[in-house]
N, C-alpha and C. Protein backbone atom coordinates (compact mmCIF):
# COMPACT_ATOMS: atom_id res chain seq x y z
N MET A 1 0.84 -1.19 0.00
CA MET A 1 0.00 0.00 0.00
C MET A 1 0.88 1.24 0.00
N LEU A 2 0.45 2.24 -0.74
CA LEU A 2 1.19 3.48 -0.81
C LEU A 2 1.04 4.24 0.50
N SER A 3 2.12 4.88 0.94
CA SER A 3 2.04 5.63 2.18
C SER A 3 1.38 6.98 1.98
N ASN A 4 1.43 7.50 0.74
CA ASN A 4 0.77 8.76 0.43
C ASN A 4 -0.17 8.53 -0.75
N SER A 5 -1.44 8.76 -0.55
CA SER A 5 -2.39 8.46 -1.61
C SER A 5 -3.65 9.30 -1.48
N VAL A 6 -4.36 9.36 -2.58
CA VAL A 6 -5.70 9.92 -2.60
C VAL A 6 -6.56 8.85 -3.24
N GLU A 7 -7.66 8.51 -2.62
CA GLU A 7 -8.51 7.48 -3.18
C GLU A 7 -9.97 7.82 -3.01
N GLY A 8 -10.80 7.21 -3.82
CA GLY A 8 -12.22 7.45 -3.75
C GLY A 8 -12.88 6.96 -5.03
N TYR A 9 -14.15 7.24 -5.15
CA TYR A 9 -14.87 6.87 -6.36
C TYR A 9 -15.33 8.15 -7.04
N GLY A 10 -15.28 8.14 -8.36
CA GLY A 10 -15.72 9.34 -9.05
C GLY A 10 -15.78 9.12 -10.54
N ILE A 11 -16.05 10.19 -11.24
CA ILE A 11 -16.07 10.14 -12.69
C ILE A 11 -15.09 11.18 -13.21
N ARG A 12 -14.48 10.84 -14.32
CA ARG A 12 -13.50 11.73 -14.91
C ARG A 12 -14.15 12.43 -16.10
N LEU A 13 -14.07 13.74 -16.10
CA LEU A 13 -14.66 14.51 -17.19
C LEU A 13 -13.62 14.79 -18.26
N ASP A 14 -14.08 15.34 -19.37
CA ASP A 14 -13.18 15.64 -20.48
C ASP A 14 -12.06 16.60 -20.07
N ASP A 15 -12.33 17.45 -19.09
CA ASP A 15 -11.31 18.40 -18.67
C ASP A 15 -10.28 17.75 -17.74
N GLY A 16 -10.44 16.44 -17.50
CA GLY A 16 -9.48 15.73 -16.67
C GLY A 16 -9.72 15.85 -15.18
N MET A 17 -10.77 16.56 -14.80
CA MET A 17 -11.05 16.74 -13.38
C MET A 17 -11.88 15.57 -12.85
N TRP A 18 -11.70 15.30 -11.57
CA TRP A 18 -12.46 14.25 -10.90
C TRP A 18 -13.30 14.89 -9.82
N GLY A 19 -14.25 14.14 -9.33
CA GLY A 19 -15.01 14.64 -8.20
C GLY A 19 -15.56 13.51 -7.37
N GLY A 20 -15.97 13.78 -6.10
CA GLY A 20 -16.61 12.80 -5.27
C GLY A 20 -15.95 12.59 -3.93
N TRP A 21 -16.18 11.43 -3.35
CA TRP A 21 -15.58 11.10 -2.06
C TRP A 21 -14.09 10.88 -2.23
N TYR A 22 -13.32 11.35 -1.29
CA TYR A 22 -11.88 11.12 -1.35
C TYR A 22 -11.31 10.98 0.06
N ARG A 23 -10.14 10.41 0.12
CA ARG A 23 -9.42 10.28 1.38
C ARG A 23 -7.95 10.51 1.08
N VAL A 24 -7.31 11.32 1.89
CA VAL A 24 -5.89 11.59 1.74
C VAL A 24 -5.15 10.82 2.82
N VAL A 25 -4.19 10.00 2.41
CA VAL A 25 -3.39 9.23 3.34
C VAL A 25 -1.95 9.71 3.24
N LYS A 26 -1.37 10.10 4.37
CA LYS A 26 0.03 10.51 4.41
C LYS A 26 0.73 9.71 5.48
N ASN A 27 1.83 9.08 5.10
CA ASN A 27 2.61 8.26 6.02
C ASN A 27 1.74 7.23 6.74
N GLY A 28 0.78 6.68 6.00
CA GLY A 28 -0.07 5.64 6.55
C GLY A 28 -1.22 6.14 7.40
N ASN A 29 -1.34 7.45 7.59
CA ASN A 29 -2.40 8.01 8.42
C ASN A 29 -3.39 8.79 7.55
N VAL A 30 -4.66 8.68 7.87
CA VAL A 30 -5.67 9.44 7.15
C VAL A 30 -5.60 10.89 7.65
N MET A 31 -5.18 11.79 6.74
CA MET A 31 -5.01 13.19 7.12
C MET A 31 -6.24 14.03 6.81
N GLU A 32 -6.98 13.61 5.79
CA GLU A 32 -8.12 14.40 5.34
C GLU A 32 -9.06 13.48 4.59
N GLN A 33 -10.33 13.70 4.75
CA GLN A 33 -11.30 12.99 3.93
C GLN A 33 -12.55 13.84 3.83
N GLY A 34 -13.28 13.66 2.77
CA GLY A 34 -14.47 14.47 2.59
C GLY A 34 -15.01 14.36 1.19
N TYR A 35 -15.63 15.44 0.74
CA TYR A 35 -16.28 15.42 -0.56
C TYR A 35 -15.74 16.55 -1.42
N ALA A 36 -15.64 16.27 -2.68
CA ALA A 36 -15.29 17.28 -3.67
C ALA A 36 -16.31 17.15 -4.79
N PRO A 37 -16.48 18.18 -5.59
CA PRO A 37 -17.49 18.11 -6.66
C PRO A 37 -17.30 16.88 -7.53
N ARG A 38 -18.39 16.17 -7.78
CA ARG A 38 -18.43 15.04 -8.70
C ARG A 38 -17.77 13.78 -8.16
N PHE A 39 -17.47 13.73 -6.87
CA PHE A 39 -17.01 12.48 -6.28
C PHE A 39 -18.17 11.83 -5.54
N TYR A 40 -18.15 10.52 -5.43
CA TYR A 40 -19.25 9.80 -4.79
C TYR A 40 -18.71 8.77 -3.81
N ARG A 41 -19.50 8.47 -2.80
CA ARG A 41 -19.05 7.57 -1.74
C ARG A 41 -18.87 6.13 -2.21
N THR A 42 -19.67 5.73 -3.18
CA THR A 42 -19.58 4.35 -3.65
C THR A 42 -19.50 4.32 -5.17
N GLU A 43 -19.00 3.22 -5.69
CA GLU A 43 -18.92 3.08 -7.13
C GLU A 43 -20.31 3.10 -7.76
N SER A 44 -21.29 2.45 -7.11
CA SER A 44 -22.63 2.42 -7.67
C SER A 44 -23.25 3.81 -7.73
N GLU A 45 -22.98 4.63 -6.72
CA GLU A 45 -23.49 6.01 -6.72
C GLU A 45 -22.85 6.79 -7.87
N ALA A 46 -21.56 6.56 -8.10
CA ALA A 46 -20.88 7.23 -9.21
C ALA A 46 -21.45 6.75 -10.54
N GLN A 47 -21.72 5.46 -10.64
CA GLN A 47 -22.28 4.91 -11.88
C GLN A 47 -23.63 5.56 -12.17
N GLU A 48 -24.44 5.71 -11.13
CA GLU A 48 -25.77 6.26 -11.31
C GLU A 48 -25.72 7.71 -11.78
N ASN A 49 -24.68 8.43 -11.40
CA ASN A 49 -24.57 9.84 -11.76
C ASN A 49 -23.75 10.09 -13.01
N ALA A 50 -23.09 9.06 -13.52
CA ALA A 50 -22.20 9.24 -14.67
C ALA A 50 -22.95 9.73 -15.89
N HIS A 51 -24.17 9.24 -16.08
CA HIS A 51 -24.92 9.62 -17.28
C HIS A 51 -25.23 11.12 -17.29
N HIS A 52 -25.26 11.74 -16.12
CA HIS A 52 -25.54 13.17 -16.04
C HIS A 52 -24.45 13.97 -16.76
N TYR A 53 -23.25 13.41 -16.80
CA TYR A 53 -22.13 14.08 -17.44
C TYR A 53 -21.84 13.49 -18.82
N GLY A 54 -22.78 12.68 -19.32
CA GLY A 54 -22.64 12.14 -20.66
C GLY A 54 -21.61 11.03 -20.77
N LEU A 55 -21.34 10.35 -19.66
CA LEU A 55 -20.36 9.27 -19.66
C LEU A 55 -21.07 7.93 -19.57
N ALA A 56 -20.49 6.94 -20.20
CA ALA A 56 -21.09 5.61 -20.19
C ALA A 56 -20.92 4.93 -18.85
N LYS A 57 -19.84 5.23 -18.16
CA LYS A 57 -19.60 4.57 -16.88
C LYS A 57 -18.72 5.43 -15.99
N ALA A 58 -18.74 5.14 -14.71
CA ALA A 58 -17.83 5.78 -13.78
C ALA A 58 -16.56 4.95 -13.72
N GLU A 59 -15.50 5.57 -13.26
CA GLU A 59 -14.23 4.87 -13.16
C GLU A 59 -13.72 4.95 -11.72
N ARG A 60 -12.99 3.93 -11.33
CA ARG A 60 -12.38 3.93 -10.01
C ARG A 60 -11.29 4.97 -10.00
N TYR A 61 -11.26 5.80 -8.96
CA TYR A 61 -10.25 6.85 -8.85
C TYR A 61 -9.23 6.44 -7.79
N PHE A 62 -8.00 6.38 -8.18
CA PHE A 62 -6.93 6.13 -7.21
C PHE A 62 -5.67 6.80 -7.73
N HIS A 63 -5.08 7.63 -6.93
CA HIS A 63 -3.87 8.31 -7.35
C HIS A 63 -3.01 8.61 -6.14
N ARG A 64 -1.71 8.45 -6.29
CA ARG A 64 -0.82 8.70 -5.16
C ARG A 64 -0.45 10.16 -5.01
N GLU A 65 -0.85 10.99 -5.96
CA GLU A 65 -0.51 12.41 -5.90
C GLU A 65 -1.56 13.16 -5.08
N THR A 66 -1.20 13.57 -3.89
CA THR A 66 -2.17 14.25 -3.03
C THR A 66 -2.53 15.63 -3.58
N ARG A 67 -1.73 16.16 -4.49
CA ARG A 67 -2.05 17.48 -5.05
C ARG A 67 -3.37 17.46 -5.80
N LEU A 68 -3.82 16.27 -6.26
CA LEU A 68 -5.07 16.20 -7.01
C LEU A 68 -6.26 16.63 -6.15
N VAL A 69 -6.16 16.44 -4.84
CA VAL A 69 -7.28 16.84 -3.98
C VAL A 69 -7.48 18.34 -4.03
N SER A 70 -6.39 19.11 -3.93
CA SER A 70 -6.54 20.55 -3.99
C SER A 70 -6.99 20.98 -5.38
N GLU A 71 -6.59 20.25 -6.41
CA GLU A 71 -7.01 20.60 -7.76
C GLU A 71 -8.51 20.42 -7.94
N VAL A 72 -9.05 19.31 -7.46
CA VAL A 72 -10.48 19.09 -7.64
C VAL A 72 -11.30 20.05 -6.78
N ASN A 73 -10.68 20.59 -5.74
CA ASN A 73 -11.36 21.58 -4.91
C ASN A 73 -11.17 22.99 -5.43
N GLY A 74 -10.47 23.13 -6.55
CA GLY A 74 -10.32 24.43 -7.17
C GLY A 74 -9.16 25.25 -6.64
N ASN A 75 -8.27 24.62 -5.87
CA ASN A 75 -7.11 25.33 -5.35
C ASN A 75 -5.86 24.79 -6.03
N PRO A 76 -5.12 25.65 -6.71
CA PRO A 76 -3.92 25.17 -7.43
C PRO A 76 -2.84 24.67 -6.48
């Protein structure tokens, strides 16, 4: 398991942005968790909302770059 990660379920839009439930893990500890636009708590919830954005399906979101959390929240 990665010691620094961002994980959650969401859908990826054409602009490359993600949204929904996320959790930030640093050095094995959960430092932050919450909601960002277009993220969802479960994969099924993301699937149900994917059609709203014209997507066929939702995708599992997992990335070790914690900077993505500030990006999806609109902070560079």
